Amino acid sequence: MTKKAHHEAHEPETEMDNQSVEQPVAETTADGTGNNGDTEEQPSLEPAVENEYEEMIGSLNVKLADMTDKYLRLSADFDNYRKRTLKEKAELITSGGEGVLKNIIPLVDDFERAMAHIDTAQDMAAMREGIALIYGKFVDFLTRQGVKPIDAKDQPFDTDLHEAITKIPAPTPEMKGKVIDCVEKGYLLNDKVIRFSKVVVGE
């Protein structure tokens, strides 16, 4: 081998060959996973937080027990109220008209006294006056109960108040469609019709 060949064989490597590529080294944690690993240990709750949760759960349990107790009491009260109202309703059905009937009894007494003297009465004017007095007391009683008669005669025929039993030719043009005569008086109870007036209508 010549000196030139020996020199070329031992020529140093190029700068490019001498540069080494540094590779990042992942740090290894105590559990064997790298910093870039997906698995992380979940931190445990602090004792103070655990105590706060326990206190919150205890408070909610107390509130739930209180609401349950209130519900049971309310349910029992409603059941008692329902039974009481049903009893009162039954009593009202059987004896609801007691007050009205007690007020009618004195009028019946007046009629009985009048009937006892009607055959032996000498003063017919006094008898008529007594009957008119009883009638007035009875009408006053009905008025106090909210009952009042329906005004019908000479009024325009109204199907909400009147019941036409027949029609006749109107005596005057102004009486067409109006009540000529009232055969049976109608009544209102607190503005509600409890009996229609039976009327004759002009046409």
N, C-alpha and C. Protein backbone atom coordinates (compact mmCIF):
# COMPACT_ATOMS: atom_id res chain seq x y z
N MET A 1 0.87 -1.18 0.00
CA MET A 1 0.00 0.00 0.00
C MET A 1 0.90 1.22 0.00
N THR A 2 0.56 2.19 -0.80
CA THR A 2 1.36 3.41 -0.91
C THR A 2 1.02 4.30 0.23
N LYS A 3 1.81 5.31 0.47
CA LYS A 3 1.57 6.28 1.53
C LYS A 3 0.28 7.04 1.29
N LYS A 4 -0.05 7.35 -0.01
CA LYS A 4 -1.26 8.10 -0.33
C LYS A 4 -2.50 7.30 0.01
N ALA A 5 -2.47 6.03 -0.29
CA ALA A 5 -3.64 5.19 0.00
C ALA A 5 -3.83 5.02 1.48
N HIS A 6 -2.67 4.90 2.23
CA HIS A 6 -2.76 4.76 3.66
C HIS A 6 -3.34 6.01 4.30
N HIS A 7 -3.00 7.14 3.75
CA HIS A 7 -3.51 8.41 4.29
C HIS A 7 -5.02 8.56 4.05
N GLU A 8 -5.49 8.13 2.89
CA GLU A 8 -6.93 8.23 2.58
C GLU A 8 -7.74 7.26 3.43
N ALA A 9 -7.15 6.14 3.76
CA ALA A 9 -7.89 5.16 4.55
C ALA A 9 -8.14 5.61 5.95
N HIS A 10 -7.23 6.45 6.49
CA HIS A 10 -7.39 6.94 7.86
C HIS A 10 -7.89 8.37 7.94
N GLU A 11 -8.51 8.85 6.85
CA GLU A 11 -9.02 10.24 6.84
C GLU A 11 -10.22 10.35 7.78
N PRO A 12 -10.29 11.36 8.64
CA PRO A 12 -11.43 11.47 9.60
C PRO A 12 -12.78 11.60 8.91
N GLU A 13 -13.85 11.20 9.64
CA GLU A 13 -15.21 11.26 9.10
C GLU A 13 -15.66 12.71 8.95
N THR A 14 -16.59 12.93 8.09
CA THR A 14 -17.08 14.30 7.84
C THR A 14 -17.83 14.79 9.06
N GLU A 15 -18.00 16.10 9.08
CA GLU A 15 -18.73 16.74 10.19
C GLU A 15 -20.17 16.26 10.27
N MET A 16 -20.71 15.93 9.08
CA MET A 16 -22.11 15.46 9.03
C MET A 16 -22.24 14.13 9.72
N ASP A 17 -21.18 13.32 9.57
CA ASP A 17 -21.25 12.00 10.17
C ASP A 17 -21.06 12.05 11.65
N ASN A 18 -20.31 13.12 12.11
CA ASN A 18 -20.02 13.20 13.54
C ASN A 18 -21.20 13.73 14.37
N GLN A 19 -22.13 14.43 13.68
CA GLN A 19 -23.27 14.98 14.42
C GLN A 19 -24.25 13.87 14.77
N SER A 20 -24.51 13.76 16.02
CA SER A 20 -25.47 12.74 16.45
C SER A 20 -26.83 13.38 16.70
N VAL A 21 -27.88 12.71 16.34
CA VAL A 21 -29.25 13.21 16.54
C VAL A 21 -29.71 12.82 17.92
N GLU A 22 -29.96 13.83 18.70
CA GLU A 22 -30.40 13.58 20.07
C GLU A 22 -31.88 13.25 20.09
N GLN A 23 -32.22 12.14 20.65
CA GLN A 23 -33.61 11.72 20.76
C GLN A 23 -34.13 12.08 22.14
N PRO A 24 -35.33 12.65 22.20
CA PRO A 24 -35.90 12.98 23.51
C PRO A 24 -36.16 11.73 24.31
N VAL A 25 -35.78 11.82 25.55
CA VAL A 25 -35.96 10.67 26.43
C VAL A 25 -37.13 10.96 27.36
N ALA A 26 -38.10 10.12 27.31
CA ALA A 26 -39.27 10.31 28.18
C ALA A 26 -38.91 9.96 29.59
N GLU A 27 -39.29 10.85 30.49
CA GLU A 27 -39.02 10.59 31.90
C GLU A 27 -40.00 9.54 32.41
N THR A 28 -39.45 8.69 33.17
CA THR A 28 -40.28 7.60 33.69
C THR A 28 -40.71 7.93 35.10
N THR A 29 -42.00 7.82 35.34
CA THR A 29 -42.55 8.10 36.67
C THR A 29 -42.42 6.87 37.52
N ALA A 30 -42.84 7.04 38.78
CA ALA A 30 -42.67 5.94 39.73
C ALA A 30 -43.48 4.72 39.35
N ASP A 31 -44.62 4.92 38.66
CA ASP A 31 -45.46 3.77 38.33
C ASP A 31 -45.11 3.17 36.99
N GLY A 32 -44.00 3.68 36.35
CA GLY A 32 -43.54 3.07 35.12
C GLY A 32 -44.11 3.71 33.88
N THR A 33 -44.89 4.75 33.98
CA THR A 33 -45.46 5.41 32.82
C THR A 33 -44.74 6.71 32.59
N GLY A 34 -44.65 7.12 31.37
CA GLY A 34 -43.99 8.36 31.03
C GLY A 34 -44.85 9.56 31.33
N ASN A 35 -44.22 10.76 31.21
CA ASN A 35 -44.97 11.98 31.44
C ASN A 35 -46.06 12.17 30.42
N ASN A 36 -45.85 11.61 29.22
CA ASN A 36 -46.83 11.77 28.15
C ASN A 36 -47.85 10.66 28.13
N GLY A 37 -47.83 9.78 29.09
CA GLY A 37 -48.77 8.66 29.11
C GLY A 37 -50.19 9.13 29.39
N ASP A 38 -51.16 8.32 28.98
CA ASP A 38 -52.57 8.67 29.15
C ASP A 38 -53.08 8.33 30.53
N THR A 39 -52.41 7.45 31.25
CA THR A 39 -52.90 6.99 32.54
C THR A 39 -52.36 7.88 33.65
N GLU A 40 -53.35 8.48 34.41
CA GLU A 40 -52.96 9.32 35.53
C GLU A 40 -53.69 8.86 36.78
N GLU A 41 -53.05 8.91 37.85
CA GLU A 41 -53.67 8.49 39.11
C GLU A 41 -54.62 9.57 39.60
N GLN A 42 -55.90 9.21 39.93
CA GLN A 42 -56.89 10.17 40.41
C GLN A 42 -56.56 10.55 41.85
N PRO A 43 -56.51 11.85 42.07
CA PRO A 43 -56.20 12.28 43.45
C PRO A 43 -57.35 11.94 44.38
N SER A 44 -57.08 11.57 45.57
CA SER A 44 -58.11 11.27 46.56
C SER A 44 -58.65 12.56 47.15
N LEU A 45 -59.96 12.52 47.60
CA LEU A 45 -60.59 13.70 48.18
C LEU A 45 -59.91 14.06 49.49
N GLU A 46 -59.85 15.36 49.69
CA GLU A 46 -59.29 15.82 50.95
C GLU A 46 -60.27 15.50 52.08
N PRO A 47 -59.84 15.27 53.26
CA PRO A 47 -60.74 14.97 54.39
C PRO A 47 -61.78 16.06 54.61
N ALA A 48 -61.38 17.33 54.39
CA ALA A 48 -62.34 18.42 54.60
C ALA A 48 -63.50 18.34 53.62
N VAL A 49 -63.19 17.97 52.35
CA VAL A 49 -64.24 17.85 51.33
C VAL A 49 -65.16 16.68 51.65
N GLU A 50 -64.58 15.58 52.10
CA GLU A 50 -65.39 14.42 52.46
C GLU A 50 -66.33 14.76 53.61
N ASN A 51 -65.85 15.49 54.57
CA ASN A 51 -66.70 15.89 55.69
C ASN A 51 -67.83 16.80 55.23
N GLU A 52 -67.52 17.67 54.27
CA GLU A 52 -68.55 18.59 53.75
C GLU A 52 -69.65 17.82 53.04
N TYR A 53 -69.24 16.79 52.24
CA TYR A 53 -70.23 15.96 51.56
C TYR A 53 -71.09 15.19 52.55
N GLU A 54 -70.47 14.67 53.58
CA GLU A 54 -71.22 13.92 54.59
C GLU A 54 -72.23 14.82 55.30
N GLU A 55 -71.80 16.05 55.62
CA GLU A 55 -72.73 16.99 56.26
C GLU A 55 -73.89 17.35 55.33
N MET A 56 -73.58 17.50 54.03
CA MET A 56 -74.63 17.83 53.05
C MET A 56 -75.64 16.69 52.94
N ILE A 57 -75.15 15.47 52.87
CA ILE A 57 -76.03 14.30 52.79
C ILE A 57 -76.88 14.19 54.05
N GLY A 58 -76.28 14.44 55.20
CA GLY A 58 -77.04 14.39 56.44
C GLY A 58 -78.14 15.43 56.48
N SER A 59 -77.82 16.65 55.99
CA SER A 59 -78.82 17.72 55.95
C SER A 59 -79.97 17.37 55.03
N LEU A 60 -79.65 16.79 53.86
CA LEU A 60 -80.70 16.38 52.91
C LEU A 60 -81.58 15.29 53.50
N ASN A 61 -80.99 14.36 54.22
CA ASN A 61 -81.78 13.30 54.85
C ASN A 61 -82.75 13.87 55.89
N VAL A 62 -82.30 14.87 56.64
CA VAL A 62 -83.17 15.51 57.63
C VAL A 62 -84.33 16.21 56.95
N LYS A 63 -84.01 16.93 55.85
CA LYS A 63 -85.07 17.63 55.11
C LYS A 63 -86.06 16.65 54.51
N LEU A 64 -85.56 15.53 53.98
CA LEU A 64 -86.45 14.51 53.41
C LEU A 64 -87.37 13.93 54.47
N ALA A 65 -86.84 13.66 55.64
CA ALA A 65 -87.67 13.12 56.72
C ALA A 65 -88.72 14.13 57.15
N ASP A 66 -88.34 15.42 57.19
CA ASP A 66 -89.29 16.46 57.57
C ASP A 66 -90.40 16.59 56.54
N MET A 67 -90.03 16.57 55.25
CA MET A 67 -91.05 16.68 54.20
C MET A 67 -91.97 15.46 54.19
N THR A 68 -91.41 14.29 54.45
CA THR A 68 -92.24 13.07 54.51
C THR A 68 -93.24 13.16 55.65
N ASP A 69 -92.80 13.67 56.79
CA ASP A 69 -93.69 13.81 57.94
C ASP A 69 -94.80 14.81 57.63
N LYS A 70 -94.44 15.93 56.99
CA LYS A 70 -95.45 16.93 56.64
C LYS A 70 -96.46 16.37 55.64
N TYR A 71 -95.97 15.57 54.68
CA TYR A 71 -96.88 14.96 53.70
C TYR A 71 -97.87 14.02 54.37
N LEU A 72 -97.37 13.20 55.29
CA LEU A 72 -98.25 12.25 55.98
C LEU A 72 -99.30 12.99 56.81
N ARG A 73 -98.87 14.07 57.48
CA ARG A 73 -99.83 14.85 58.27
C ARG A 73 -100.88 15.51 57.38
N LEU A 74 -100.41 16.08 56.25
CA LEU A 74 -101.34 16.73 55.32
C LEU A 74 -102.32 15.73 54.74
N SER A 75 -101.84 14.55 54.40
CA SER A 75 -102.71 13.51 53.86
C SER A 75 -103.77 13.09 54.88
N ALA A 76 -103.36 12.97 56.14
CA ALA A 76 -104.32 12.61 57.19
C ALA A 76 -105.34 13.72 57.40
N ASP A 77 -104.88 14.99 57.39
CA ASP A 77 -105.81 16.11 57.56
C ASP A 77 -106.81 16.17 56.42
N PHE A 78 -106.35 15.93 55.19
CA PHE A 78 -107.25 15.96 54.04
C PHE A 78 -108.28 14.84 54.13
N ASP A 79 -107.84 13.67 54.56
CA ASP A 79 -108.77 12.54 54.68
C ASP A 79 -109.84 12.85 55.73
N ASN A 80 -109.44 13.48 56.85
CA ASN A 80 -110.42 13.87 57.88
C ASN A 80 -111.38 14.92 57.34
N TYR A 81 -110.83 15.88 56.58
CA TYR A 81 -111.68 16.93 55.99
C TYR A 81 -112.69 16.33 55.02
N ARG A 82 -112.24 15.38 54.20
CA ARG A 82 -113.14 14.74 53.24
C ARG A 82 -114.27 14.00 53.95
N LYS A 83 -113.94 13.27 55.00
CA LYS A 83 -114.97 12.54 55.74
C LYS A 83 -115.94 13.50 56.40
N ARG A 84 -115.41 14.60 56.95
CA ARG A 84 -116.27 15.57 57.62
C ARG A 84 -117.23 16.25 56.64
N THR A 85 -116.72 16.64 55.46
CA THR A 85 -117.57 17.30 54.49
C THR A 85 -118.63 16.35 53.94
N LEU A 86 -118.28 15.08 53.75
CA LEU A 86 -119.27 14.10 53.30
C LEU A 86 -120.38 13.95 54.33
N LYS A 87 -120.01 13.94 55.60
CA LYS A 87 -121.01 13.83 56.66
C LYS A 87 -121.90 15.06 56.69
N GLU A 88 -121.29 16.26 56.57
CA GLU A 88 -122.08 17.49 56.58
C GLU A 88 -123.01 17.55 55.37
N LYS A 89 -122.52 17.07 54.22
CA LYS A 89 -123.35 17.07 53.02
C LYS A 89 -124.56 16.15 53.20
N ALA A 90 -124.33 14.99 53.79
CA ALA A 90 -125.44 14.06 54.04
C ALA A 90 -126.45 14.67 54.99
N GLU A 91 -125.96 15.36 56.03
CA GLU A 91 -126.86 16.01 56.98
C GLU A 91 -127.63 17.14 56.31
N LEU A 92 -126.96 17.86 55.41
CA LEU A 92 -127.63 18.96 54.71
C LEU A 92 -128.74 18.46 53.82
N ILE A 93 -128.51 17.30 53.18
CA ILE A 93 -129.53 16.73 52.31
C ILE A 93 -130.77 16.32 53.11
N THR A 94 -130.54 15.75 54.28
CA THR A 94 -131.67 15.24 55.07
C THR A 94 -132.39 16.33 55.86
N SER A 95 -131.63 17.36 56.29
CA SER A 95 -132.26 18.38 57.13
C SER A 95 -131.93 19.80 56.70
N GLY A 96 -131.54 19.97 55.42
CA GLY A 96 -131.16 21.30 54.94
C GLY A 96 -132.30 22.29 54.93
N GLY A 97 -133.54 21.81 54.73
CA GLY A 97 -134.68 22.71 54.68
C GLY A 97 -135.33 22.96 56.03
N GLU A 98 -134.63 22.58 57.09
CA GLU A 98 -135.22 22.72 58.43
C GLU A 98 -135.56 24.17 58.75
N GLY A 99 -134.61 25.08 58.44
CA GLY A 99 -134.87 26.49 58.76
C GLY A 99 -136.05 27.06 57.99
N VAL A 100 -136.16 26.69 56.72
CA VAL A 100 -137.28 27.17 55.90
C VAL A 100 -138.60 26.63 56.43
N LEU A 101 -138.62 25.35 56.76
CA LEU A 101 -139.86 24.74 57.25
C LEU A 101 -140.29 25.33 58.59
N LYS A 102 -139.34 25.62 59.45
CA LYS A 102 -139.68 26.21 60.76
C LYS A 102 -140.33 27.57 60.59
N ASN A 103 -139.92 28.32 59.54
CA ASN A 103 -140.53 29.63 59.30
C ASN A 103 -141.89 29.53 58.62
N ILE A 104 -142.16 28.40 57.97
CA ILE A 104 -143.47 28.22 57.34
C ILE A 104 -144.53 27.81 58.36
N ILE A 105 -144.12 27.12 59.40
CA ILE A 105 -145.09 26.60 60.38
C ILE A 105 -145.99 27.70 60.97
N PRO A 106 -145.46 28.88 61.34
CA PRO A 106 -146.36 29.93 61.85
C PRO A 106 -147.42 30.36 60.84
N LEU A 107 -147.07 30.33 59.55
CA LEU A 107 -148.06 30.68 58.53
C LEU A 107 -149.15 29.61 58.45
N VAL A 108 -148.76 28.36 58.65
CA VAL A 108 -149.76 27.28 58.68
C VAL A 108 -150.69 27.47 59.87
N ASP A 109 -150.14 27.91 61.00
CA ASP A 109 -150.98 28.18 62.19
C ASP A 109 -152.01 29.26 61.87
N ASP A 110 -151.59 30.32 61.15
CA ASP A 110 -152.52 31.39 60.79
C ASP A 110 -153.63 30.87 59.89
N PHE A 111 -153.26 30.04 58.92
CA PHE A 111 -154.27 29.48 58.03
C PHE A 111 -155.26 28.59 58.79
N GLU A 112 -154.75 27.81 59.73
CA GLU A 112 -155.64 26.93 60.50
C GLU A 112 -156.62 27.74 61.34
N ARG A 113 -156.15 28.83 61.93
CA ARG A 113 -157.06 29.67 62.72
C ARG A 113 -158.13 30.31 61.83
N ALA A 114 -157.72 30.74 60.64
CA ALA A 114 -158.68 31.35 59.72
C ALA A 114 -159.72 30.32 59.27
N MET A 115 -159.26 29.11 58.97
CA MET A 115 -160.18 28.08 58.52
C MET A 115 -161.14 27.66 59.64
N ALA A 116 -160.69 27.73 60.90
CA ALA A 116 -161.55 27.35 62.03
C ALA A 116 -162.70 28.33 62.21
N HIS A 117 -162.53 29.60 61.76
CA HIS A 117 -163.58 30.60 61.96
C HIS A 117 -164.31 30.98 60.67
N ILE A 118 -163.92 30.37 59.56
CA ILE A 118 -164.50 30.79 58.30
C ILE A 118 -166.00 30.46 58.21
N ASP A 119 -166.42 29.35 58.83
CA ASP A 119 -167.83 28.97 58.75
C ASP A 119 -168.71 29.76 59.71
N THR A 120 -168.16 30.26 60.79
CA THR A 120 -168.95 30.96 61.79
C THR A 120 -168.74 32.47 61.77
N ALA A 121 -167.87 32.92 60.86
CA ALA A 121 -167.55 34.36 60.82
C ALA A 121 -168.77 35.13 60.34
N GLN A 122 -169.07 36.22 61.05
CA GLN A 122 -170.18 37.10 60.67
C GLN A 122 -169.66 38.30 59.86
N ASP A 123 -168.44 38.71 60.15
CA ASP A 123 -167.89 39.88 59.47
C ASP A 123 -166.96 39.39 58.36
N MET A 124 -167.50 39.34 57.13
CA MET A 124 -166.73 38.84 56.00
C MET A 124 -165.59 39.79 55.63
N ALA A 125 -165.80 41.07 55.89
CA ALA A 125 -164.73 42.03 55.60
C ALA A 125 -163.51 41.75 56.47
N ALA A 126 -163.77 41.45 57.75
CA ALA A 126 -162.67 41.13 58.66
C ALA A 126 -162.00 39.82 58.25
N MET A 127 -162.81 38.86 57.79
CA MET A 127 -162.25 37.60 57.33
C MET A 127 -161.33 37.81 56.13
N ARG A 128 -161.80 38.61 55.16
CA ARG A 128 -160.97 38.89 53.98
C ARG A 128 -159.68 39.61 54.39
N GLU A 129 -159.80 40.52 55.34
CA GLU A 129 -158.62 41.24 55.81
C GLU A 129 -157.62 40.30 56.48
N GLY A 130 -158.14 39.32 57.24
CA GLY A 130 -157.26 38.36 57.90
C GLY A 130 -156.54 37.48 56.88
N ILE A 131 -157.28 37.04 55.86
CA ILE A 131 -156.65 36.20 54.83
C ILE A 131 -155.60 37.00 54.05
N ALA A 132 -155.92 38.25 53.76
CA ALA A 132 -154.96 39.11 53.05
C ALA A 132 -153.69 39.31 53.90
N LEU A 133 -153.88 39.40 55.23
CA LEU A 133 -152.74 39.55 56.12
C LEU A 133 -151.84 38.31 56.08
N ILE A 134 -152.47 37.14 56.11
CA ILE A 134 -151.70 35.90 56.04
C ILE A 134 -150.96 35.81 54.71
N TYR A 135 -151.66 36.17 53.63
CA TYR A 135 -151.02 36.15 52.30
C TYR A 135 -149.81 37.09 52.26
N GLY A 136 -149.96 38.27 52.83
CA GLY A 136 -148.85 39.23 52.86
C GLY A 136 -147.65 38.69 53.64
N LYS A 137 -147.94 38.02 54.76
CA LYS A 137 -146.85 37.43 55.54
C LYS A 137 -146.13 36.33 54.76
N PHE A 138 -146.91 35.55 53.99
CA PHE A 138 -146.32 34.47 53.21
C PHE A 138 -145.44 35.02 52.08
N VAL A 139 -145.93 36.06 51.40
CA VAL A 139 -145.14 36.68 50.33
C VAL A 139 -143.86 37.30 50.90
N ASP A 140 -143.97 37.90 52.07
CA ASP A 140 -142.79 38.48 52.70
C ASP A 140 -141.78 37.39 53.05
N PHE A 141 -142.27 36.26 53.50
CA PHE A 141 -141.39 35.14 53.81
C PHE A 141 -140.65 34.67 52.56
N LEU A 142 -141.36 34.54 51.44
CA LEU A 142 -140.73 34.11 50.19
C LEU A 142 -139.67 35.12 49.74
N THR A 143 -139.98 36.41 49.90
CA THR A 143 -139.03 37.45 49.49
C THR A 143 -137.75 37.35 50.30
N ARG A 144 -137.88 37.09 51.59
CA ARG A 144 -136.69 36.95 52.44
C ARG A 144 -135.86 35.71 52.08
N GLN A 145 -136.50 34.74 51.43
CA GLN A 145 -135.78 33.54 50.98
C GLN A 145 -135.18 33.72 49.59
N GLY A 146 -135.33 34.90 49.00
CA GLY A 146 -134.79 35.17 47.67
C GLY A 146 -135.72 34.82 46.54
N VAL A 147 -137.00 34.56 46.85
CA VAL A 147 -137.98 34.20 45.82
C VAL A 147 -138.78 35.44 45.45
N LYS A 148 -138.92 35.68 44.15
CA LYS A 148 -139.73 36.81 43.70
C LYS A 148 -140.46 36.42 42.42
N PRO A 149 -141.65 37.00 42.20
CA PRO A 149 -142.45 36.64 41.02
C PRO A 149 -141.87 37.24 39.75
N ILE A 150 -142.17 36.58 38.63
CA ILE A 150 -141.75 37.07 37.31
C ILE A 150 -142.84 37.98 36.76
N ASP A 151 -142.43 39.17 36.36
CA ASP A 151 -143.39 40.10 35.75
C ASP A 151 -143.66 39.63 34.33
N ALA A 152 -144.91 39.33 34.02
CA ALA A 152 -145.22 38.72 32.72
C ALA A 152 -146.24 39.51 31.90
N LYS A 153 -147.36 39.86 32.49
CA LYS A 153 -148.45 40.46 31.71
C LYS A 153 -148.01 41.76 31.07
N ASP A 154 -148.39 41.91 29.78
CA ASP A 154 -148.09 43.09 28.96
C ASP A 154 -146.59 43.24 28.66
N GLN A 155 -145.79 42.24 29.02
CA GLN A 155 -144.36 42.27 28.74
C GLN A 155 -144.06 41.51 27.44
N PRO A 156 -143.00 41.89 26.72
CA PRO A 156 -142.62 41.11 25.53
C PRO A 156 -142.37 39.65 25.90
N PHE A 157 -142.83 38.75 25.04
CA PHE A 157 -142.66 37.33 25.31
C PHE A 157 -141.18 36.98 25.33
N ASP A 158 -140.73 36.32 26.40
CA ASP A 158 -139.32 35.97 26.60
C ASP A 158 -139.25 34.48 26.94
N THR A 159 -138.65 33.71 26.04
CA THR A 159 -138.57 32.26 26.26
C THR A 159 -137.72 31.91 27.48
N ASP A 160 -136.87 32.84 27.95
CA ASP A 160 -136.07 32.58 29.14
C ASP A 160 -136.88 32.72 30.42
N LEU A 161 -138.07 33.35 30.32
CA LEU A 161 -138.90 33.57 31.51
C LEU A 161 -140.31 33.01 31.37
N HIS A 162 -140.78 32.94 30.14
CA HIS A 162 -142.19 32.60 29.91
C HIS A 162 -142.32 31.29 29.14
N GLU A 163 -143.46 30.63 29.37
CA GLU A 163 -143.83 29.42 28.63
C GLU A 163 -145.19 29.67 28.00
N ALA A 164 -145.22 29.73 26.67
CA ALA A 164 -146.46 30.02 25.96
C ALA A 164 -147.33 28.77 25.91
N ILE A 165 -148.54 28.87 26.44
CA ILE A 165 -149.45 27.73 26.39
C ILE A 165 -150.41 27.85 25.20
N THR A 166 -150.58 29.07 24.71
CA THR A 166 -151.41 29.29 23.53
C THR A 166 -151.15 30.68 22.96
N LYS A 167 -151.62 30.89 21.73
CA LYS A 167 -151.52 32.19 21.09
C LYS A 167 -152.91 32.62 20.63
N ILE A 168 -153.19 33.90 20.74
CA ILE A 168 -154.46 34.44 20.31
C ILE A 168 -154.19 35.71 19.50
N PRO A 169 -155.17 36.14 18.67
CA PRO A 169 -154.97 37.39 17.94
C PRO A 169 -154.79 38.56 18.92
N ALA A 170 -153.80 39.38 18.64
CA ALA A 170 -153.52 40.51 19.53
C ALA A 170 -154.65 41.53 19.44
N PRO A 171 -155.14 42.05 20.57
CA PRO A 171 -156.23 43.03 20.53
C PRO A 171 -155.79 44.34 19.87
N THR A 172 -154.54 44.68 19.92
CA THR A 172 -154.01 45.89 19.28
C THR A 172 -152.67 45.53 18.63
N PRO A 173 -152.27 46.29 17.63
CA PRO A 173 -150.97 46.00 16.99
C PRO A 173 -149.80 46.06 17.98
N GLU A 174 -149.93 46.90 18.99
CA GLU A 174 -148.84 47.03 19.97
C GLU A 174 -148.66 45.77 20.82
N MET A 175 -149.71 44.94 20.91
CA MET A 175 -149.64 43.74 21.75
C MET A 175 -149.15 42.50 21.01
N LYS A 176 -148.79 42.65 19.74
CA LYS A 176 -148.25 41.50 19.01
C LYS A 176 -146.89 41.11 19.60
N GLY A 177 -146.75 39.81 19.88
CA GLY A 177 -145.51 39.32 20.46
C GLY A 177 -145.38 39.60 21.94
N LYS A 178 -146.47 40.06 22.57
CA LYS A 178 -146.45 40.34 24.01
C LYS A 178 -147.39 39.40 24.75
N VAL A 179 -147.25 39.37 26.06
CA VAL A 179 -148.06 38.50 26.89
C VAL A 179 -149.42 39.15 27.11
N ILE A 180 -150.47 38.47 26.65
CA ILE A 180 -151.84 38.98 26.82
C ILE A 180 -152.36 38.67 28.21
N ASP A 181 -152.07 37.46 28.68
CA ASP A 181 -152.57 37.04 29.99
C ASP A 181 -151.57 36.05 30.60
N CYS A 182 -151.50 36.05 31.94
CA CYS A 182 -150.64 35.11 32.68
C CYS A 182 -151.54 34.12 33.38
N VAL A 183 -151.49 32.85 32.95
CA VAL A 183 -152.34 31.81 33.51
C VAL A 183 -151.77 31.30 34.83
N GLU A 184 -150.45 31.19 34.90
CA GLU A 184 -149.79 30.73 36.13
C GLU A 184 -148.51 31.54 36.32
N LYS A 185 -148.40 32.15 37.48
CA LYS A 185 -147.27 33.03 37.77
C LYS A 185 -145.97 32.23 37.90
N GLY A 186 -144.90 32.80 37.34
CA GLY A 186 -143.59 32.18 37.46
C GLY A 186 -142.78 32.85 38.57
N TYR A 187 -141.71 32.18 38.99
CA TYR A 187 -140.90 32.70 40.11
C TYR A 187 -139.41 32.54 39.83
N LEU A 188 -138.66 33.46 40.42
CA LEU A 188 -137.19 33.42 40.38
C LEU A 188 -136.67 33.16 41.79
N LEU A 189 -135.60 32.40 41.86
CA LEU A 189 -134.89 32.21 43.13
C LEU A 189 -133.48 32.72 42.93
N ASN A 190 -133.21 33.89 43.54
CA ASN A 190 -131.89 34.54 43.36
C ASN A 190 -131.56 34.69 41.88
N ASP A 191 -132.55 35.21 41.12
CA ASP A 191 -132.41 35.49 39.68
C ASP A 191 -132.33 34.24 38.82
N LYS A 192 -132.61 33.08 39.38
CA LYS A 192 -132.67 31.85 38.60
C LYS A 192 -134.13 31.40 38.52
N VAL A 193 -134.58 31.06 37.32
CA VAL A 193 -135.97 30.65 37.14
C VAL A 193 -136.20 29.30 37.80
N ILE A 194 -137.13 29.26 38.74
CA ILE A 194 -137.51 27.99 39.34
C ILE A 194 -138.89 27.53 38.84
N ARG A 195 -139.63 28.47 38.24
CA ARG A 195 -140.88 28.10 37.56
C ARG A 195 -141.17 29.16 36.51
N PHE A 196 -141.39 28.70 35.27
CA PHE A 196 -141.70 29.62 34.18
C PHE A 196 -143.15 30.10 34.30
N SER A 197 -143.36 31.32 33.85
CA SER A 197 -144.73 31.84 33.79
C SER A 197 -145.44 31.23 32.60
N LYS A 198 -146.62 30.67 32.84
CA LYS A 198 -147.43 30.13 31.75
C LYS A 198 -148.32 31.25 31.24
N VAL A 199 -148.13 31.59 29.97
CA VAL A 199 -148.74 32.82 29.46
C VAL A 199 -149.47 32.56 28.13
N VAL A 200 -150.33 33.55 27.80
CA VAL A 200 -151.01 33.60 26.51
C VAL A 200 -150.36 34.74 25.71
N VAL A 201 -149.94 34.45 24.50
CA VAL A 201 -149.18 35.42 23.69
C VAL A 201 -150.05 35.91 22.54
N GLY A 202 -149.94 37.23 22.28
CA GLY A 202 -150.67 37.81 21.17
C GLY A 202 -149.88 37.68 19.87
N GLU A 203 -150.64 37.44 18.77
CA GLU A 203 -149.96 37.33 17.46
C GLU A 203 -150.75 38.09 16.41
